């Protein structure tokens, strides 16, 4: 994971472009605007900054694509998001909508060492014998509190 230098909103733009491309959709200003629920002028400004930083290929009236640098960064943001969301849903038993909302916030601020430990723990839990990790008992204890 690289040192994060981009703001939360810039990371959200990269992640959105990454997701749109992986879904086989065009990543145009309009699509990004709709997905992030922001004004097109905000998207234009962000895309110009990301282009200047070498993260995307951007021309005003064409599809936006990630550069190698942008792809690497976007993959890392997406991985953090999905891992945190999965941890919330499968380990902590948080409903999907709440897990998504919180993962979107935490993905931008989590320390690399903490994320690596969380990711390792999640992988361990998901591969463990379910009788050793009693998620149902955990859910009952949480519900009592």
N, C-alpha and C. Protein backbone atom coordinates (compact mmCIF):
# COMPACT_ATOMS: atom_id res chain seq x y z
N UNK A 1 0.85 -1.17 0.00
CA UNK A 1 0.00 0.00 0.00
C UNK A 1 0.90 1.24 0.00
N UNK A 2 0.60 2.17 -0.85
CA UNK A 2 1.44 3.35 -0.94
C UNK A 2 1.08 4.37 0.12
N UNK A 3 1.96 5.36 0.30
CA UNK A 3 1.63 6.48 1.18
C UNK A 3 0.50 7.25 0.54
N UNK A 4 -0.56 7.48 1.28
CA UNK A 4 -1.70 8.18 0.72
C UNK A 4 -1.45 9.67 0.72
N UNK A 5 -1.56 10.27 -0.46
CA UNK A 5 -1.34 11.69 -0.59
C UNK A 5 -2.60 12.40 -1.06
N UNK A 6 -3.57 11.67 -1.54
CA UNK A 6 -4.78 12.28 -2.07
C UNK A 6 -5.81 12.47 -0.96
N UNK A 7 -6.67 13.44 -1.17
CA UNK A 7 -7.75 13.69 -0.21
C UNK A 7 -8.79 12.57 -0.31
N UNK A 8 -9.67 12.54 0.67
CA UNK A 8 -10.76 11.57 0.68
C UNK A 8 -11.59 11.67 -0.59
N UNK A 9 -11.93 12.87 -0.99
CA UNK A 9 -12.78 13.02 -2.18
C UNK A 9 -12.04 12.57 -3.44
N UNK A 10 -10.75 12.84 -3.54
CA UNK A 10 -10.00 12.40 -4.72
C UNK A 10 -9.92 10.87 -4.76
N UNK A 11 -9.76 10.25 -3.59
CA UNK A 11 -9.77 8.79 -3.54
C UNK A 11 -11.14 8.25 -3.97
N UNK A 12 -12.21 8.93 -3.57
CA UNK A 12 -13.55 8.51 -3.99
C UNK A 12 -13.72 8.59 -5.50
N UNK A 13 -13.17 9.63 -6.12
CA UNK A 13 -13.24 9.74 -7.58
C UNK A 13 -12.50 8.59 -8.24
N UNK A 14 -11.29 8.30 -7.78
CA UNK A 14 -10.53 7.19 -8.36
C UNK A 14 -11.26 5.87 -8.18
N UNK A 15 -11.80 5.64 -7.00
CA UNK A 15 -12.52 4.40 -6.73
C UNK A 15 -13.75 4.29 -7.62
N UNK A 16 -14.45 5.39 -7.82
CA UNK A 16 -15.64 5.38 -8.67
C UNK A 16 -15.29 5.07 -10.12
N UNK A 17 -14.23 5.67 -10.61
CA UNK A 17 -13.78 5.37 -11.98
C UNK A 17 -13.41 3.90 -12.09
N UNK A 18 -12.71 3.39 -11.10
CA UNK A 18 -12.31 1.97 -11.06
C UNK A 18 -13.54 1.06 -11.11
N UNK A 19 -14.53 1.37 -10.29
CA UNK A 19 -15.75 0.56 -10.23
C UNK A 19 -16.50 0.61 -11.56
N UNK A 20 -16.67 1.80 -12.12
CA UNK A 20 -17.36 1.93 -13.41
C UNK A 20 -16.65 1.12 -14.49
N UNK A 21 -15.34 1.21 -14.54
CA UNK A 21 -14.59 0.46 -15.54
C UNK A 21 -14.73 -1.04 -15.32
N UNK A 22 -14.70 -1.49 -14.07
CA UNK A 22 -14.83 -2.92 -13.79
C UNK A 22 -16.22 -3.44 -14.09
N UNK A 23 -17.21 -2.56 -14.04
CA UNK A 23 -18.58 -2.94 -14.40
C UNK A 23 -18.79 -2.91 -15.91
N UNK A 24 -17.74 -2.54 -16.66
CA UNK A 24 -17.83 -2.47 -18.11
C UNK A 24 -18.54 -1.22 -18.60
N UNK A 25 -18.65 -0.24 -17.74
CA UNK A 25 -19.33 1.00 -18.10
C UNK A 25 -18.29 2.07 -18.41
N UNK A 26 -18.74 3.08 -19.14
CA UNK A 26 -17.88 4.24 -19.40
C UNK A 26 -17.78 5.07 -18.15
N UNK A 27 -16.60 5.62 -17.95
CA UNK A 27 -16.40 6.54 -16.83
C UNK A 27 -16.35 7.94 -17.43
N UNK A 28 -17.51 8.51 -17.63
CA UNK A 28 -17.61 9.88 -18.12
C UNK A 28 -17.98 10.79 -16.96
N UNK A 29 -17.76 12.07 -17.12
CA UNK A 29 -18.07 13.03 -16.06
C UNK A 29 -19.49 12.84 -15.54
N UNK A 30 -20.42 12.68 -16.46
CA UNK A 30 -21.84 12.50 -16.10
C UNK A 30 -22.03 11.27 -15.22
N UNK A 31 -21.40 10.16 -15.60
CA UNK A 31 -21.53 8.90 -14.84
C UNK A 31 -20.95 9.05 -13.43
N UNK A 32 -19.80 9.70 -13.36
CA UNK A 32 -19.13 9.91 -12.08
C UNK A 32 -19.98 10.82 -11.20
N UNK A 33 -20.52 11.87 -11.79
CA UNK A 33 -21.38 12.81 -11.09
C UNK A 33 -22.59 12.11 -10.48
N UNK A 34 -23.22 11.26 -11.27
CA UNK A 34 -24.40 10.52 -10.79
C UNK A 34 -24.04 9.54 -9.68
N UNK A 35 -22.95 8.82 -9.86
CA UNK A 35 -22.56 7.79 -8.88
C UNK A 35 -22.18 8.41 -7.54
N UNK A 36 -21.53 9.59 -7.58
CA UNK A 36 -21.10 10.23 -6.34
C UNK A 36 -22.09 11.28 -5.83
N UNK A 37 -23.13 11.53 -6.61
CA UNK A 37 -24.13 12.55 -6.25
C UNK A 37 -23.49 13.92 -6.01
N UNK A 38 -22.66 14.33 -6.97
CA UNK A 38 -22.02 15.64 -6.91
C UNK A 38 -22.27 16.37 -8.23
N UNK A 39 -22.06 17.67 -8.21
CA UNK A 39 -22.26 18.49 -9.40
C UNK A 39 -21.20 18.17 -10.45
N UNK A 40 -21.60 18.31 -11.72
CA UNK A 40 -20.66 18.05 -12.81
C UNK A 40 -19.45 18.97 -12.75
N UNK A 41 -19.65 20.21 -12.30
CA UNK A 41 -18.52 21.14 -12.20
C UNK A 41 -17.50 20.65 -11.17
N UNK A 42 -17.98 20.04 -10.09
CA UNK A 42 -17.07 19.46 -9.09
C UNK A 42 -16.29 18.30 -9.68
N UNK A 43 -16.96 17.50 -10.49
CA UNK A 43 -16.30 16.37 -11.14
C UNK A 43 -15.22 16.88 -12.09
N UNK A 44 -15.55 17.88 -12.87
CA UNK A 44 -14.59 18.44 -13.81
C UNK A 44 -13.34 18.93 -13.10
N UNK A 45 -13.52 19.66 -12.01
CA UNK A 45 -12.38 20.15 -11.24
C UNK A 45 -11.53 19.00 -10.69
N UNK A 46 -12.20 17.99 -10.14
CA UNK A 46 -11.48 16.85 -9.58
C UNK A 46 -10.73 16.08 -10.68
N UNK A 47 -11.37 15.90 -11.82
CA UNK A 47 -10.73 15.17 -12.91
C UNK A 47 -9.51 15.92 -13.43
N UNK A 48 -9.58 17.22 -13.47
CA UNK A 48 -8.42 18.01 -13.90
C UNK A 48 -7.26 17.82 -12.93
N UNK A 49 -7.55 17.84 -11.64
CA UNK A 49 -6.50 17.64 -10.64
C UNK A 49 -5.90 16.24 -10.72
N UNK A 50 -6.76 15.23 -10.88
CA UNK A 50 -6.28 13.86 -10.98
C UNK A 50 -5.46 13.66 -12.26
N UNK A 51 -5.86 14.32 -13.32
CA UNK A 51 -5.12 14.25 -14.57
C UNK A 51 -3.74 14.90 -14.41
N UNK A 52 -3.71 16.06 -13.78
CA UNK A 52 -2.44 16.75 -13.53
C UNK A 52 -1.51 15.92 -12.65
N UNK A 53 -2.10 15.13 -11.74
CA UNK A 53 -1.30 14.28 -10.86
C UNK A 53 -0.87 12.98 -11.50
N UNK A 54 -1.33 12.74 -12.73
CA UNK A 54 -0.94 11.53 -13.44
C UNK A 54 -1.75 10.29 -13.07
N UNK A 55 -2.91 10.48 -12.46
CA UNK A 55 -3.74 9.35 -12.03
C UNK A 55 -4.74 8.91 -13.09
N UNK A 56 -5.14 9.83 -13.97
CA UNK A 56 -6.13 9.51 -14.99
C UNK A 56 -5.76 10.14 -16.32
N UNK A 57 -6.35 9.60 -17.38
CA UNK A 57 -6.32 10.21 -18.70
C UNK A 57 -7.66 10.90 -18.85
N UNK A 58 -7.62 12.20 -19.10
CA UNK A 58 -8.86 12.97 -19.13
C UNK A 58 -8.84 14.03 -20.22
N UNK A 59 -9.86 13.98 -21.06
CA UNK A 59 -10.16 15.03 -22.02
C UNK A 59 -11.63 15.35 -21.81
N UNK A 60 -11.95 16.61 -21.87
CA UNK A 60 -13.26 17.11 -21.47
C UNK A 60 -14.45 16.30 -22.00
N UNK A 61 -14.45 15.89 -23.25
CA UNK A 61 -15.63 15.24 -23.82
C UNK A 61 -15.44 13.75 -24.11
N UNK A 62 -14.49 13.13 -23.45
CA UNK A 62 -14.28 11.71 -23.69
C UNK A 62 -14.30 10.92 -22.39
N UNK A 63 -14.21 9.64 -22.54
CA UNK A 63 -14.21 8.73 -21.38
C UNK A 63 -12.94 8.93 -20.56
N UNK A 64 -13.09 8.83 -19.25
CA UNK A 64 -11.97 8.94 -18.34
C UNK A 64 -11.40 7.54 -18.13
N UNK A 65 -10.08 7.42 -18.17
CA UNK A 65 -9.45 6.13 -17.90
C UNK A 65 -8.35 6.33 -16.86
N UNK A 66 -8.08 5.28 -16.13
CA UNK A 66 -7.03 5.31 -15.11
C UNK A 66 -5.67 5.05 -15.77
N UNK A 67 -4.67 5.79 -15.34
CA UNK A 67 -3.30 5.48 -15.74
C UNK A 67 -2.84 4.29 -14.88
N UNK A 68 -1.66 3.78 -15.12
CA UNK A 68 -1.13 2.70 -14.28
C UNK A 68 -1.05 3.16 -12.83
N UNK A 69 -0.58 4.38 -12.63
CA UNK A 69 -0.48 4.96 -11.29
C UNK A 69 -1.88 5.06 -10.65
N UNK A 70 -2.85 5.52 -11.43
CA UNK A 70 -4.21 5.66 -10.93
C UNK A 70 -4.86 4.31 -10.64
N UNK A 71 -4.58 3.34 -11.50
CA UNK A 71 -5.13 2.00 -11.31
C UNK A 71 -4.61 1.39 -10.02
N UNK A 72 -3.32 1.53 -9.78
CA UNK A 72 -2.73 0.98 -8.55
C UNK A 72 -3.37 1.62 -7.32
N UNK A 73 -3.48 2.92 -7.35
CA UNK A 73 -4.06 3.66 -6.21
C UNK A 73 -5.52 3.28 -6.01
N UNK A 74 -6.28 3.25 -7.11
CA UNK A 74 -7.71 2.93 -7.04
C UNK A 74 -7.93 1.51 -6.52
N UNK A 75 -7.10 0.58 -6.96
CA UNK A 75 -7.21 -0.81 -6.47
C UNK A 75 -7.02 -0.88 -4.95
N UNK A 76 -6.06 -0.11 -4.45
CA UNK A 76 -5.79 -0.11 -3.02
C UNK A 76 -6.98 0.45 -2.23
N UNK A 77 -7.54 1.55 -2.72
CA UNK A 77 -8.71 2.15 -2.06
C UNK A 77 -9.87 1.15 -2.08
N UNK A 78 -10.11 0.55 -3.24
CA UNK A 78 -11.20 -0.41 -3.39
C UNK A 78 -11.00 -1.62 -2.48
N UNK A 79 -9.78 -2.10 -2.41
CA UNK A 79 -9.48 -3.26 -1.55
C UNK A 79 -9.74 -2.92 -0.08
N UNK A 80 -9.30 -1.74 0.34
CA UNK A 80 -9.57 -1.33 1.73
C UNK A 80 -11.07 -1.29 1.98
N UNK A 81 -11.79 -0.69 1.06
CA UNK A 81 -13.25 -0.56 1.19
C UNK A 81 -13.91 -1.93 1.32
N UNK A 82 -13.61 -2.80 0.39
CA UNK A 82 -14.26 -4.12 0.37
C UNK A 82 -13.87 -4.97 1.57
N UNK A 83 -12.63 -4.90 1.99
CA UNK A 83 -12.17 -5.68 3.15
C UNK A 83 -12.86 -5.21 4.43
N UNK A 84 -12.91 -3.90 4.61
CA UNK A 84 -13.57 -3.35 5.81
C UNK A 84 -15.05 -3.68 5.80
N UNK A 85 -15.68 -3.53 4.65
CA UNK A 85 -17.11 -3.86 4.53
C UNK A 85 -17.35 -5.34 4.84
N UNK A 86 -16.52 -6.19 4.29
CA UNK A 86 -16.66 -7.63 4.53
C UNK A 86 -16.49 -7.96 6.02
N UNK A 87 -15.52 -7.32 6.66
CA UNK A 87 -15.30 -7.52 8.09
C UNK A 87 -16.55 -7.12 8.88
N UNK A 88 -17.10 -5.97 8.57
CA UNK A 88 -18.30 -5.50 9.27
C UNK A 88 -19.47 -6.45 9.07
N UNK A 89 -19.67 -6.91 7.84
CA UNK A 89 -20.81 -7.77 7.53
C UNK A 89 -20.66 -9.19 8.09
N UNK A 90 -19.50 -9.79 7.83
CA UNK A 90 -19.34 -11.22 8.14
C UNK A 90 -18.83 -11.51 9.55
N UNK A 91 -18.06 -10.61 10.10
CA UNK A 91 -17.53 -10.85 11.44
C UNK A 91 -18.38 -10.11 12.48
N UNK A 92 -18.60 -8.84 12.26
CA UNK A 92 -19.37 -8.05 13.24
C UNK A 92 -20.88 -8.14 13.04
N UNK A 93 -21.29 -8.76 11.93
CA UNK A 93 -22.72 -8.96 11.66
C UNK A 93 -23.49 -7.64 11.53
N UNK A 94 -22.85 -6.64 10.93
CA UNK A 94 -23.49 -5.35 10.67
C UNK A 94 -24.25 -5.47 9.35
N UNK A 95 -25.44 -4.86 9.27
CA UNK A 95 -26.21 -4.98 8.03
C UNK A 95 -25.45 -4.30 6.88
N UNK A 96 -25.74 -4.73 5.67
CA UNK A 96 -24.98 -4.35 4.49
C UNK A 96 -24.92 -2.84 4.26
N UNK A 97 -26.03 -2.16 4.41
CA UNK A 97 -26.07 -0.71 4.17
C UNK A 97 -25.18 0.05 5.15
N UNK A 98 -25.27 -0.32 6.42
CA UNK A 98 -24.46 0.33 7.44
C UNK A 98 -22.97 -0.02 7.26
N UNK A 99 -22.70 -1.26 6.88
CA UNK A 99 -21.33 -1.69 6.62
C UNK A 99 -20.74 -0.88 5.46
N UNK A 100 -21.51 -0.70 4.41
CA UNK A 100 -21.07 0.08 3.25
C UNK A 100 -20.78 1.52 3.63
N UNK A 101 -21.68 2.13 4.35
CA UNK A 101 -21.55 3.52 4.77
C UNK A 101 -20.28 3.74 5.61
N UNK A 102 -20.05 2.86 6.55
CA UNK A 102 -18.89 3.00 7.44
C UNK A 102 -17.58 2.64 6.75
N UNK A 103 -17.60 1.63 5.91
CA UNK A 103 -16.40 1.26 5.17
C UNK A 103 -15.95 2.42 4.29
N UNK A 104 -16.91 3.13 3.71
CA UNK A 104 -16.60 4.26 2.85
C UNK A 104 -15.89 5.38 3.62
N UNK A 105 -16.18 5.51 4.88
CA UNK A 105 -15.53 6.53 5.70
C UNK A 105 -14.15 6.06 6.18
N UNK A 106 -14.09 4.83 6.66
CA UNK A 106 -12.88 4.31 7.29
C UNK A 106 -11.77 4.02 6.28
N UNK A 107 -12.14 3.64 5.06
CA UNK A 107 -11.14 3.28 4.04
C UNK A 107 -10.11 4.39 3.81
N UNK A 108 -10.48 5.62 4.08
CA UNK A 108 -9.61 6.75 3.80
C UNK A 108 -8.66 7.09 4.96
N UNK A 109 -8.94 6.60 6.14
CA UNK A 109 -8.16 7.01 7.30
C UNK A 109 -7.44 5.86 8.00
N UNK A 110 -7.75 4.65 7.65
CA UNK A 110 -7.14 3.52 8.34
C UNK A 110 -5.64 3.43 8.05
N UNK A 111 -4.88 3.23 9.08
CA UNK A 111 -3.43 3.08 8.98
C UNK A 111 -3.09 1.78 8.25
N UNK A 112 -2.02 1.77 7.50
CA UNK A 112 -1.62 0.58 6.75
C UNK A 112 -1.42 -0.63 7.64
N UNK A 113 -0.73 -0.46 8.77
CA UNK A 113 -0.48 -1.60 9.67
C UNK A 113 -1.79 -2.13 10.24
N UNK A 114 -2.68 -1.24 10.60
CA UNK A 114 -3.98 -1.66 11.15
C UNK A 114 -4.78 -2.38 10.06
N UNK A 115 -4.77 -1.82 8.85
CA UNK A 115 -5.50 -2.47 7.76
C UNK A 115 -4.93 -3.86 7.47
N UNK A 116 -3.62 -3.97 7.43
CA UNK A 116 -3.00 -5.27 7.17
C UNK A 116 -3.40 -6.31 8.22
N UNK A 117 -3.43 -5.90 9.49
CA UNK A 117 -3.84 -6.81 10.57
C UNK A 117 -5.32 -7.18 10.42
N UNK A 118 -6.15 -6.20 10.11
CA UNK A 118 -7.58 -6.45 9.92
C UNK A 118 -7.80 -7.42 8.76
N UNK A 119 -7.10 -7.19 7.69
CA UNK A 119 -7.21 -8.04 6.51
C UNK A 119 -6.78 -9.47 6.82
N UNK A 120 -5.67 -9.61 7.54
CA UNK A 120 -5.17 -10.93 7.93
C UNK A 120 -6.16 -11.63 8.86
N UNK A 121 -6.70 -10.87 9.81
CA UNK A 121 -7.66 -11.44 10.75
C UNK A 121 -8.92 -11.90 10.01
N UNK A 122 -9.40 -11.09 9.10
CA UNK A 122 -10.59 -11.45 8.32
C UNK A 122 -10.34 -12.73 7.54
N UNK A 123 -9.19 -12.80 6.88
CA UNK A 123 -8.86 -14.00 6.11
C UNK A 123 -8.81 -15.22 7.03
N UNK A 124 -8.20 -15.07 8.20
CA UNK A 124 -8.12 -16.16 9.17
C UNK A 124 -9.51 -16.62 9.60
N UNK A 125 -10.35 -15.65 9.94
CA UNK A 125 -11.72 -15.98 10.39
C UNK A 125 -12.50 -16.69 9.30
N UNK A 126 -12.40 -16.18 8.07
CA UNK A 126 -13.17 -16.74 6.97
C UNK A 126 -12.70 -18.15 6.60
N UNK A 127 -11.46 -18.48 6.92
CA UNK A 127 -10.94 -19.80 6.60
C UNK A 127 -11.00 -20.76 7.79
N UNK A 128 -11.40 -20.26 8.95
CA UNK A 128 -11.42 -21.07 10.16
C UNK A 128 -12.64 -21.98 10.20
N UNK A 129 -12.52 -23.01 10.99
CA UNK A 129 -13.64 -23.90 11.26
C UNK A 129 -14.69 -23.08 12.01
N UNK A 130 -15.88 -23.02 11.48
CA UNK A 130 -16.92 -22.17 12.05
C UNK A 130 -17.26 -22.54 13.50
N UNK A 131 -17.02 -23.80 13.87
CA UNK A 131 -17.29 -24.18 15.26
C UNK A 131 -16.29 -23.56 16.22
N UNK A 132 -15.10 -23.21 15.71
CA UNK A 132 -14.08 -22.56 16.55
C UNK A 132 -14.37 -21.08 16.73
N UNK A 133 -15.03 -20.51 15.76
CA UNK A 133 -15.37 -19.09 15.81
C UNK A 133 -16.89 -19.02 15.82
N UNK A 134 -17.44 -18.90 17.00
CA UNK A 134 -18.88 -18.95 17.16
C UNK A 134 -19.50 -17.57 16.93
N UNK A 135 -19.76 -17.27 15.66
CA UNK A 135 -20.31 -15.98 15.28
C UNK A 135 -21.71 -15.80 15.88
N UNK A 136 -22.47 -16.87 15.95
CA UNK A 136 -23.82 -16.78 16.52
C UNK A 136 -23.76 -16.38 18.00
N UNK A 137 -22.83 -16.94 18.74
CA UNK A 137 -22.65 -16.57 20.14
C UNK A 137 -22.25 -15.09 20.23
N UNK A 138 -21.37 -14.67 19.35
CA UNK A 138 -20.96 -13.26 19.30
C UNK A 138 -22.18 -12.37 19.07
N UNK A 139 -23.01 -12.74 18.13
CA UNK A 139 -24.21 -11.95 17.82
C UNK A 139 -25.12 -11.85 19.06
N UNK A 140 -25.27 -12.96 19.78
CA UNK A 140 -26.13 -12.96 20.98
C UNK A 140 -25.55 -12.03 22.05
N UNK A 141 -24.25 -12.07 22.27
CA UNK A 141 -23.61 -11.22 23.27
C UNK A 141 -23.80 -9.74 22.89
N UNK A 142 -23.63 -9.43 21.62
CA UNK A 142 -23.81 -8.04 21.17
C UNK A 142 -25.25 -7.60 21.31
N UNK A 143 -26.18 -8.46 21.01
CA UNK A 143 -27.59 -8.12 21.11
C UNK A 143 -28.01 -7.86 22.57
N UNK A 144 -27.33 -8.52 23.50
CA UNK A 144 -27.65 -8.32 24.92
C UNK A 144 -27.14 -6.99 25.43
N UNK A 145 -26.14 -6.44 24.78
CA UNK A 145 -25.56 -5.17 25.23
C UNK A 145 -26.24 -4.02 24.60
